[in-house]
N, C-alpha and C. Protein backbone atom coordinates (compact mmCIF):
# COMPACT_ATOMS: atom_id res chain seq x y z
N LYS A 1 88.10 76.66 95.47
CA LYS A 1 88.21 76.27 94.35
C LYS A 1 87.53 76.65 93.24
N GLU A 2 86.04 77.00 93.36
CA GLU A 2 85.15 77.72 92.56
C GLU A 2 85.88 78.76 92.04
N ALA A 3 86.79 79.60 92.58
CA ALA A 3 87.48 80.51 91.78
C ALA A 3 88.59 80.05 90.74
N PHE A 4 89.19 78.85 91.10
CA PHE A 4 89.68 78.19 90.07
C PHE A 4 89.29 77.92 89.04
N TYR A 5 88.05 77.06 89.40
CA TYR A 5 87.30 76.27 88.20
C TYR A 5 86.80 77.42 87.42
N LYS A 6 86.48 78.84 87.84
CA LYS A 6 85.62 79.59 86.82
C LYS A 6 86.68 80.46 85.93
N CYS A 7 88.37 80.14 86.50
CA CYS A 7 89.19 80.50 85.46
C CYS A 7 90.08 79.54 84.71
N TYR A 8 89.59 78.59 84.99
CA TYR A 8 90.13 76.99 84.31
C TYR A 8 88.96 76.85 83.07
N TYR A 9 87.69 76.78 83.55
CA TYR A 9 86.86 76.08 82.39
C TYR A 9 86.66 76.82 81.21
N PRO A 10 86.67 78.16 80.81
CA PRO A 10 86.40 79.14 79.91
C PRO A 10 87.29 78.77 78.96
N LEU A 11 88.73 78.64 79.37
CA LEU A 11 89.72 78.80 78.68
C LEU A 11 90.08 76.89 78.35
N GLU A 12 90.03 76.25 79.06
CA GLU A 12 90.12 74.76 78.76
C GLU A 12 89.04 73.83 78.00
N ARG A 13 87.96 74.13 78.64
CA ARG A 13 86.82 73.66 78.30
C ARG A 13 86.73 72.00 78.93
N VAL A 14 87.26 71.82 79.89
CA VAL A 14 87.21 70.73 80.40
C VAL A 14 86.74 70.76 81.90
N PHE A 15 85.80 69.91 82.32
CA PHE A 15 85.49 70.30 83.77
C PHE A 15 86.55 69.39 84.80
N LEU A 16 86.79 70.22 85.88
CA LEU A 16 87.04 69.53 86.68
C LEU A 16 86.51 68.97 87.94
N GLY A 17 86.57 67.53 88.31
CA GLY A 17 86.23 67.54 89.76
C GLY A 17 86.61 68.01 90.95
N PHE A 18 85.94 67.68 92.16
CA PHE A 18 86.37 68.28 93.37
C PHE A 18 87.59 67.75 93.92
N HIS A 19 88.12 66.68 93.37
CA HIS A 19 89.15 66.04 93.76
C HIS A 19 90.57 66.16 92.97
N ASP A 20 90.19 66.81 91.90
CA ASP A 20 91.32 67.24 90.42
C ASP A 20 91.75 68.35 91.08
N VAL A 21 91.64 69.41 91.96
CA VAL A 21 92.44 70.23 92.48
C VAL A 21 92.70 70.40 93.74
N GLU A 22 93.74 70.69 94.49
CA GLU A 22 94.14 70.65 96.04
C GLU A 22 94.29 71.96 95.81
N LEU A 23 94.00 72.82 97.19
CA LEU A 23 94.30 73.98 97.92
C LEU A 23 94.93 74.17 99.06
N SER A 24 95.71 75.22 99.17
CA SER A 24 96.45 75.71 100.43
C SER A 24 96.23 76.90 100.51
N LEU A 25 95.94 77.06 101.95
CA LEU A 25 95.48 78.55 102.58
C LEU A 25 96.48 79.09 103.04
N ASP A 26 96.69 80.19 103.44
CA ASP A 26 97.36 80.94 104.15
C ASP A 26 96.71 82.21 104.54
N PRO A 27 96.09 82.06 105.79
CA PRO A 27 95.08 83.04 105.93
C PRO A 27 95.60 84.29 106.71
N LEU A 28 96.79 84.41 107.21
CA LEU A 28 97.68 85.45 107.32
C LEU A 28 97.77 86.42 106.32
N ALA A 29 98.49 85.61 105.02
CA ALA A 29 98.62 86.68 104.06
C ALA A 29 97.38 86.89 103.22
N LYS A 30 96.29 86.15 103.50
CA LYS A 30 95.28 86.29 102.76
C LYS A 30 95.21 85.83 101.24
N THR A 31 95.81 84.61 101.13
CA THR A 31 96.13 84.02 99.58
C THR A 31 95.90 82.56 99.88
N PHE A 32 95.89 81.98 98.43
CA PHE A 32 95.75 80.43 98.46
C PHE A 32 96.43 80.36 97.02
N THR A 33 97.02 78.81 97.30
CA THR A 33 97.38 78.14 96.23
C THR A 33 96.76 76.99 95.55
N ALA A 34 96.04 77.22 94.37
CA ALA A 34 95.30 75.99 93.73
C ALA A 34 95.90 75.26 92.94
N ALA A 35 96.29 73.97 92.97
CA ALA A 35 96.93 73.28 92.07
C ALA A 35 96.26 72.14 91.26
N ILE A 36 95.99 71.76 90.18
CA ILE A 36 95.61 70.70 89.70
C ILE A 36 96.33 69.27 90.14
N ILE A 37 95.98 68.72 90.48
CA ILE A 37 96.71 67.24 91.02
C ILE A 37 96.05 66.10 90.17
N ASN A 38 95.46 66.19 89.36
CA ASN A 38 94.88 64.92 88.60
C ASN A 38 95.73 65.12 87.06
N ALA A 39 96.62 64.06 86.97
CA ALA A 39 97.58 64.34 85.99
C ALA A 39 96.85 63.96 84.45
N ASP A 40 95.60 63.60 84.72
CA ASP A 40 94.67 63.27 83.52
C ASP A 40 94.27 64.53 82.65
N LYS A 41 94.12 65.49 83.60
CA LYS A 41 93.51 67.19 83.27
C LYS A 41 94.34 67.90 82.64
N PRO A 42 94.34 68.61 81.56
CA PRO A 42 95.28 69.59 81.06
C PRO A 42 95.47 70.75 81.95
N SER A 43 96.94 71.05 81.82
CA SER A 43 97.24 72.37 82.46
C SER A 43 96.52 73.50 81.98
N LEU A 44 96.43 74.65 82.42
CA LEU A 44 95.84 76.04 82.02
C LEU A 44 96.74 76.78 81.51
N ASN A 45 97.14 76.84 80.38
CA ASN A 45 97.85 77.85 79.64
C ASN A 45 99.23 77.23 79.74
N GLY A 46 99.50 76.41 80.32
CA GLY A 46 101.08 75.63 80.70
C GLY A 46 101.11 75.62 82.15
N LEU A 47 100.05 75.95 82.81
CA LEU A 47 100.36 76.05 84.46
C LEU A 47 99.37 74.94 85.28
N ARG A 48 99.87 74.55 86.06
CA ARG A 48 98.93 73.69 87.01
C ARG A 48 98.75 74.18 88.28
N VAL A 49 99.51 75.52 88.47
CA VAL A 49 99.28 75.96 90.23
C VAL A 49 99.04 77.40 89.57
N LEU A 50 98.01 77.86 90.31
CA LEU A 50 97.83 79.29 90.43
C LEU A 50 97.41 79.71 91.78
N GLN A 51 98.04 81.22 91.83
CA GLN A 51 97.81 81.98 93.06
C GLN A 51 96.78 82.35 93.06
N GLY A 52 95.92 82.74 94.62
CA GLY A 52 94.49 83.24 94.35
C GLY A 52 94.65 84.48 95.67
N ASN A 53 93.77 85.18 96.03
CA ASN A 53 93.32 86.06 96.99
C ASN A 53 92.53 85.74 97.72
N LEU A 54 92.16 85.79 99.04
CA LEU A 54 91.14 85.77 99.64
C LEU A 54 90.63 86.76 100.74
N GLU A 55 89.60 87.26 100.93
CA GLU A 55 88.97 88.37 101.86
C GLU A 55 87.64 87.89 102.47
N TRP A 56 87.53 87.93 103.70
CA TRP A 56 85.99 87.63 104.22
C TRP A 56 85.48 88.47 105.29
N ASP A 57 84.10 88.23 105.33
CA ASP A 57 83.45 89.15 106.31
C ASP A 57 83.01 88.39 107.71
N SER A 58 81.88 88.30 108.07
CA SER A 58 81.45 87.77 109.41
C SER A 58 80.15 86.77 108.43
N GLU A 59 80.14 86.91 107.06
CA GLU A 59 79.26 86.13 106.56
C GLU A 59 79.47 85.19 105.30
N LEU A 60 80.57 86.05 104.55
CA LEU A 60 80.97 85.29 103.39
C LEU A 60 82.70 84.94 103.26
N VAL A 61 83.16 84.20 102.39
CA VAL A 61 84.63 84.23 102.27
C VAL A 61 84.44 84.43 100.65
N TYR A 62 85.37 85.46 100.00
CA TYR A 62 85.58 85.96 98.92
C TYR A 62 87.14 85.30 98.40
N ALA A 63 86.84 84.97 97.00
CA ALA A 63 88.24 84.36 96.49
C ALA A 63 88.45 84.91 95.05
N GLY A 64 89.76 85.22 94.83
CA GLY A 64 89.53 85.45 93.50
C GLY A 64 91.18 85.12 92.85
N VAL A 65 90.86 84.56 91.54
CA VAL A 65 92.30 83.98 90.66
C VAL A 65 92.28 84.81 89.68
N VAL A 66 93.42 85.21 89.25
CA VAL A 66 93.99 86.08 88.09
C VAL A 66 94.90 85.46 87.34
N LEU A 67 94.81 85.11 86.06
CA LEU A 67 95.63 84.35 85.07
C LEU A 67 96.14 85.75 83.97
N GLU A 68 97.20 86.00 84.27
CA GLU A 68 97.55 87.16 83.34
C GLU A 68 98.15 86.56 81.93
N GLN A 69 97.77 87.45 81.00
CA GLN A 69 97.97 87.29 79.63
C GLN A 69 99.48 86.97 79.45
N THR A 70 100.16 86.17 78.82
CA THR A 70 101.59 86.10 78.50
C THR A 70 101.86 86.15 77.01
């Protein structure tokens, strides 16, 4: 969720709570989907769902979200 929040806040200037975003993980593909589930929160450039990538080692999990300019 942190990767999504860091993509979202600079553009929307709206704080998201922990329960405002829902994640779906696909560890085999090393991807995740982050979706804004609180209807009161604005979309991110018209999007409510973003795809992200995951990687991990024995100590840390790394996650990233990229919002492409349209």
